[in-house]
Amino acid sequence: MTNNAAKPVLVFDSGIGGLTVLRELRVLMPERNFVYIADDAGFPYGNWAEPELRARVISIFGDFLREHQPEVSVIACNTAFTLAGADLRAAFPEHTFIGTVPAIKPAAERTRSGLVSVLATPGTVKRAYTRDLIQSFASQCHVRLVGSADLARMAEAYIRGDKVADDAVAAEIEQCFYEQDGKKTDIVVLACTHYPFMANVFRRLAPWPVDWIDPAEAIARQARRLVPALDDVHPESHVDRAVLTSGNPDFSTRRLMQGFGLSL
């Protein structure tokens, strides 16, 4: 324990998906202030070419670290971290980055049927990082990678209160469900932090019950392990901030951020 003034914890995502991680971080780290950064000017990341996206993430992080001087940075985005995590650590070796990767290891440990699906963006699906996780932790399972180009955008619209058609969502998740040798998929990994916002919709539209794995709690536990705890906890004095790279969030985004207790 220390009484030193707390540096903020920076949480980064391409959009609003990282709010699912921020919610868990606040539970485990109540003494910390948070700066939530959404690269809405670059959203969605799933459609970017890899070299351009890697360069963008590294470039804008240089600005974030100089301005906010965070204790650590949580990359609450599978697409960004599986692509640029190693590059960020090489570019800023003095800083601690906590990444988000598809929860393939816990899925492999938990499955009973041996049939697991990973629901992700196209970028995460094609990443060698994801294939390596499967080889390392799920080689005894049948893992189906399902890439959706539109689901992150749907989740952003949904959490803002916009109408999202059931048939459109069902079309994005239907490939997650398959049968093999009399067994059925029993676990779907939500490998994009936007997706847990729609978990109840997924459950309602699923052809049979499965375990939907949300990585947010595990990310928060890892952050708690790496960030020194402080004994001066005054939540009423905390002012958590949101920074959007567009500089011009619309009304629904402002309302959402304020609903999460974030000042813009």
Protein backbone atom coordinates (compact mmCIF):
# COMPACT_ATOMS: atom_id res chain seq x y z
CA MET A 1 0.00 0.00 0.00
CA THR A 2 1.10 3.55 -0.66
CA ASN A 3 -0.28 7.02 -0.09
CA ASN A 4 1.18 8.48 -3.26
CA ALA A 5 -1.23 10.26 -5.56
CA ALA A 6 -2.63 7.77 -8.00
CA LYS A 7 -1.73 7.96 -11.63
CA PRO A 8 -4.70 7.18 -13.87
CA VAL A 9 -5.23 3.88 -15.60
CA LEU A 10 -5.67 4.36 -19.35
CA VAL A 11 -8.25 2.19 -21.11
CA PHE A 12 -8.12 2.15 -24.89
CA ASP A 13 -10.55 0.81 -27.47
CA SER A 14 -11.57 1.52 -31.05
CA GLY A 15 -14.99 2.61 -29.80
CA ILE A 16 -17.27 1.97 -26.85
CA GLY A 17 -16.54 -1.75 -26.44
CA GLY A 18 -13.87 -1.14 -23.81
CA LEU A 19 -16.54 0.19 -21.48
CA THR A 20 -17.28 -3.46 -20.65
CA VAL A 21 -13.69 -3.71 -19.39
CA LEU A 22 -13.80 -0.34 -17.61
CA ARG A 23 -16.84 -1.53 -15.67
CA GLU A 24 -14.87 -4.49 -14.26
CA LEU A 25 -11.73 -2.44 -13.64
CA ARG A 26 -13.67 -0.01 -11.45
CA VAL A 27 -14.93 -2.88 -9.29
CA LEU A 28 -11.42 -4.18 -8.58
CA MET A 29 -9.57 -0.83 -8.56
CA PRO A 30 -11.89 1.66 -6.82
CA GLU A 31 -9.02 3.89 -5.71
CA ARG A 32 -7.87 4.63 -9.27
CA ASN A 33 -8.90 7.29 -11.73
CA PHE A 34 -9.44 6.20 -15.32
CA VAL A 35 -8.97 7.82 -18.70
CA TYR A 36 -11.05 6.08 -21.36
CA ILE A 37 -9.86 6.68 -24.92
CA ALA A 38 -12.01 5.71 -27.89
CA ASP A 39 -10.47 5.94 -31.34
CA ASP A 40 -13.85 6.62 -32.89
CA ALA A 41 -12.15 8.45 -35.76
CA GLY A 42 -10.63 5.10 -36.78
CA PHE A 43 -13.60 2.86 -35.94
CA PRO A 44 -14.15 0.07 -36.96
CA TYR A 45 -10.69 -1.46 -36.75
CA GLY A 46 -11.75 -4.74 -38.35
CA ASN A 47 -11.76 -3.16 -41.80
CA TRP A 48 -8.26 -1.66 -41.67
CA ALA A 49 -5.22 -3.01 -43.50
CA GLU A 50 -2.71 -4.29 -40.94
CA PRO A 51 0.27 -1.98 -41.67
CA GLU A 52 -1.86 1.17 -41.57
CA LEU A 53 -3.66 0.16 -38.39
CA ARG A 54 -0.44 -0.81 -36.63
CA ALA A 55 1.13 2.55 -37.51
CA ARG A 56 -1.99 4.41 -36.34
CA VAL A 57 -2.14 2.71 -32.95
CA ILE A 58 1.56 3.25 -32.22
CA SER A 59 1.43 6.89 -33.33
CA ILE A 60 -1.60 7.92 -31.31
CA PHE A 61 -0.35 6.07 -28.23
CA GLY A 62 2.72 8.26 -28.16
CA ASP A 63 0.41 11.25 -27.73
CA PHE A 64 -1.76 9.50 -25.12
CA LEU A 65 1.18 8.52 -22.93
CA ARG A 66 2.72 11.99 -23.00
CA GLU A 67 -0.54 13.72 -22.18
CA HIS A 68 -2.00 11.43 -19.51
CA GLN A 69 1.10 9.82 -17.91
CA PRO A 70 -0.86 6.68 -16.95
CA GLU A 71 0.25 4.02 -14.47
CA VAL A 72 -0.58 1.34 -17.05
CA SER A 73 -2.53 1.11 -20.30
CA VAL A 74 -5.22 -1.48 -20.84
CA ILE A 75 -5.72 -2.26 -24.53
CA ALA A 76 -9.38 -3.28 -24.37
CA CYS A 77 -9.49 -4.31 -28.01
CA ASN A 78 -8.61 -7.74 -29.39
CA THR A 79 -7.97 -6.38 -32.89
CA ALA A 80 -5.55 -3.71 -31.73
CA PHE A 81 -3.64 -5.83 -29.24
CA THR A 82 -3.25 -8.98 -31.33
CA LEU A 83 -1.90 -6.79 -34.12
CA ALA A 84 0.13 -4.12 -32.35
CA GLY A 85 0.70 -5.30 -28.76
CA ALA A 86 4.29 -6.41 -29.33
CA ASP A 87 5.03 -3.24 -31.29
CA LEU A 88 3.63 -1.03 -28.51
CA ARG A 89 5.80 -2.76 -25.93
CA ALA A 90 8.85 -2.34 -28.18
CA ALA A 91 8.09 1.33 -28.89
CA PHE A 92 7.42 2.21 -25.22
CA PRO A 93 9.49 -0.28 -23.19
CA GLU A 94 9.20 1.72 -19.98
CA HIS A 95 5.40 1.46 -19.98
CA THR A 96 3.17 -1.48 -18.98
CA PHE A 97 0.53 -2.60 -21.47
CA ILE A 98 -2.20 -5.03 -20.45
CA GLY A 99 -3.68 -6.69 -23.49
CA THR A 100 -6.90 -8.30 -24.58
CA VAL A 101 -6.69 -11.58 -26.46
CA PRO A 102 -9.36 -14.13 -27.39
CA ALA A 103 -10.23 -16.22 -24.30
CA ILE A 104 -9.32 -19.49 -26.03
CA LYS A 105 -7.49 -21.04 -23.07
CA PRO A 106 -10.42 -20.81 -20.61
CA ALA A 107 -12.79 -21.95 -23.36
CA ALA A 108 -10.69 -25.07 -23.97
CA GLU A 109 -10.59 -25.78 -20.23
CA ARG A 110 -14.35 -25.37 -19.85
CA THR A 111 -15.80 -27.09 -22.93
CA ARG A 112 -17.42 -30.49 -22.53
CA SER A 113 -18.24 -31.16 -26.18
CA GLY A 114 -14.84 -30.04 -27.47
CA LEU A 115 -16.58 -27.75 -29.98
CA VAL A 116 -15.71 -24.09 -29.44
CA SER A 117 -16.39 -21.01 -31.56
CA VAL A 118 -14.55 -17.71 -31.46
CA LEU A 119 -16.71 -14.76 -32.52
CA ALA A 120 -14.44 -11.89 -33.53
CA THR A 121 -13.68 -9.21 -36.09
CA PRO A 122 -12.14 -10.32 -39.41
CA GLY A 123 -8.80 -8.89 -38.28
CA THR A 124 -8.67 -10.97 -35.10
CA VAL A 125 -9.76 -14.10 -36.96
CA LYS A 126 -6.95 -13.92 -39.49
CA ARG A 127 -4.24 -12.94 -36.99
CA ALA A 128 -1.40 -15.41 -36.44
CA TYR A 129 -1.64 -14.54 -32.74
CA THR A 130 -5.10 -16.12 -32.62
CA ARG A 131 -3.93 -19.26 -34.42
CA ASP A 132 -1.03 -19.57 -32.00
CA LEU A 133 -3.42 -19.42 -29.03
CA ILE A 134 -5.42 -22.27 -30.52
CA GLN A 135 -2.31 -24.33 -31.15
CA SER A 136 -0.98 -23.68 -27.63
CA PHE A 137 -4.14 -24.12 -25.57
CA ALA A 138 -6.88 -25.76 -27.64
CA SER A 139 -5.20 -28.29 -29.91
CA GLN A 140 -7.50 -31.03 -28.57
CA CYS A 141 -10.63 -29.01 -29.41
CA HIS A 142 -12.34 -28.18 -32.65
CA VAL A 143 -12.22 -24.37 -32.75
CA ARG A 144 -14.24 -22.51 -35.35
CA LEU A 145 -13.22 -18.91 -36.05
CA VAL A 146 -16.18 -16.73 -37.02
CA GLY A 147 -15.32 -13.25 -38.33
CA SER A 148 -18.01 -10.60 -38.45
CA ALA A 149 -17.42 -7.35 -40.30
CA ASP A 150 -20.59 -5.73 -38.96
CA LEU A 151 -21.26 -6.94 -35.43
CA ALA A 152 -19.08 -4.35 -33.65
CA ARG A 153 -20.94 -1.61 -35.47
CA MET A 154 -24.26 -3.22 -34.53
CA ALA A 155 -23.18 -3.38 -30.89
CA GLU A 156 -22.29 0.32 -30.92
CA ALA A 157 -25.71 1.14 -32.32
CA TYR A 158 -27.45 -1.18 -29.85
CA ILE A 159 -25.84 0.26 -26.72
CA ARG A 160 -26.72 3.76 -27.92
CA GLY A 161 -30.36 2.71 -28.03
CA ASP A 162 -30.78 2.28 -31.78
CA LYS A 163 -32.89 -0.53 -33.20
CA VAL A 164 -30.92 -3.54 -34.43
CA ALA A 165 -32.87 -6.17 -36.36
CA ASP A 166 -32.88 -9.67 -34.91
CA ASP A 167 -32.39 -11.29 -38.31
CA ALA A 168 -29.28 -9.19 -38.94
CA VAL A 169 -27.74 -10.24 -35.62
CA ALA A 170 -28.74 -13.88 -36.11
CA ALA A 171 -27.00 -13.91 -39.50
CA GLU A 172 -23.76 -12.75 -37.86
CA ILE A 173 -23.72 -15.40 -35.12
CA GLU A 174 -25.26 -18.41 -36.88
CA GLN A 175 -21.90 -19.86 -37.98
CA CYS A 176 -20.91 -20.18 -34.31
CA PHE A 177 -23.34 -23.06 -33.89
CA TYR A 178 -22.48 -26.43 -35.39
CA GLU A 179 -22.79 -30.14 -34.68
CA GLN A 180 -20.19 -32.84 -35.11
CA ASP A 181 -20.36 -36.54 -34.19
CA GLY A 182 -23.55 -36.00 -32.23
CA LYS A 183 -22.06 -33.11 -30.21
CA LYS A 184 -22.85 -29.41 -30.36
CA THR A 185 -20.96 -26.18 -29.81
CA ASP A 186 -21.11 -25.44 -26.10
CA ILE A 187 -18.89 -22.36 -25.78
CA VAL A 188 -18.63 -19.16 -27.80
CA VAL A 189 -15.73 -16.82 -27.04
CA LEU A 190 -16.67 -13.16 -27.40
CA ALA A 191 -13.39 -11.99 -28.91
CA CYS A 192 -14.37 -8.34 -29.28
CA THR A 193 -15.11 -6.17 -26.27
CA HIS A 194 -18.13 -4.68 -28.05
CA TYR A 195 -19.95 -8.01 -28.15
CA PRO A 196 -20.82 -8.46 -24.44
CA PHE A 197 -23.17 -5.49 -24.74
CA MET A 198 -25.35 -7.74 -26.89
CA ALA A 199 -24.95 -10.96 -24.89
CA ASN A 200 -28.62 -11.07 -23.93
CA VAL A 201 -29.59 -10.70 -27.58
CA PHE A 202 -27.19 -13.49 -28.55
CA ARG A 203 -28.68 -15.76 -25.88
CA ARG A 204 -32.19 -15.09 -27.11
CA LEU A 205 -31.33 -15.78 -30.75
CA ALA A 206 -29.06 -18.80 -30.19
CA PRO A 207 -30.44 -22.13 -31.50
CA TRP A 208 -29.34 -23.82 -28.25
CA PRO A 209 -27.79 -22.67 -24.95
CA VAL A 210 -24.03 -22.12 -24.88
CA ASP A 211 -21.56 -20.52 -22.48
CA TRP A 212 -20.65 -17.05 -23.77
CA ILE A 213 -17.17 -16.09 -22.49
CA ASP A 214 -16.64 -12.38 -21.75
CA PRO A 215 -12.95 -11.63 -21.08
CA ALA A 216 -13.53 -8.36 -19.19
CA GLU A 217 -13.26 -9.79 -15.68
CA ALA A 218 -10.02 -11.65 -16.45
CA ILE A 219 -8.50 -8.46 -17.93
CA ALA A 220 -9.44 -6.54 -14.80
CA ARG A 221 -7.89 -9.20 -12.53
CA GLN A 222 -4.63 -9.00 -14.49
CA ALA A 223 -4.63 -5.21 -14.18
CA ARG A 224 -5.22 -5.45 -10.43
CA ARG A 225 -2.23 -7.78 -10.12
CA LEU A 226 0.04 -5.33 -11.93
CA VAL A 227 -1.16 -2.00 -10.52
CA PRO A 228 -0.15 -1.04 -6.96
CA ALA A 229 -3.10 -0.72 -4.61
CA LEU A 230 -3.54 2.59 -2.80
CA ASP A 231 -4.97 2.99 0.67
CA ASP A 232 -6.48 6.42 0.08
CA VAL A 233 -9.79 5.65 -1.58
CA HIS A 234 -12.11 8.59 -2.12
CA PRO A 235 -14.50 7.57 -4.94
CA GLU A 236 -16.55 10.72 -4.51
CA SER A 237 -13.54 12.80 -5.58
CA HIS A 238 -12.75 10.74 -8.68
CA VAL A 239 -13.25 12.29 -12.07
CA ASP A 240 -12.89 9.72 -14.82
CA ARG A 241 -12.45 11.15 -18.29
CA ALA A 242 -13.34 10.05 -21.79
CA VAL A 243 -11.35 11.19 -24.82
CA LEU A 244 -12.65 10.53 -28.33
CA THR A 245 -10.19 10.94 -31.18
CA SER A 246 -12.84 12.45 -33.46
CA GLY A 247 -13.14 15.35 -31.03
CA ASN A 248 -16.81 15.58 -31.95
CA PRO A 249 -18.93 12.81 -30.42
CA ASP A 250 -22.62 12.82 -31.22
CA PHE A 251 -25.33 13.30 -28.61
CA SER A 252 -25.98 9.59 -28.01
CA THR A 253 -22.26 8.94 -27.47
CA ARG A 254 -22.00 11.84 -25.03
CA ARG A 255 -25.00 10.56 -23.13
CA LEU A 256 -23.54 7.04 -23.02
CA MET A 257 -20.19 8.24 -21.70
CA GLN A 258 -21.87 10.38 -19.07
CA GLY A 259 -24.02 7.39 -18.09
CA PHE A 260 -20.77 5.54 -17.36
CA GLY A 261 -19.64 8.42 -15.17
CA LEU A 262 -17.15 9.77 -17.69
CA SER A 263 -16.60 13.45 -18.33
CA LEU A 264 -15.79 14.46 -21.90
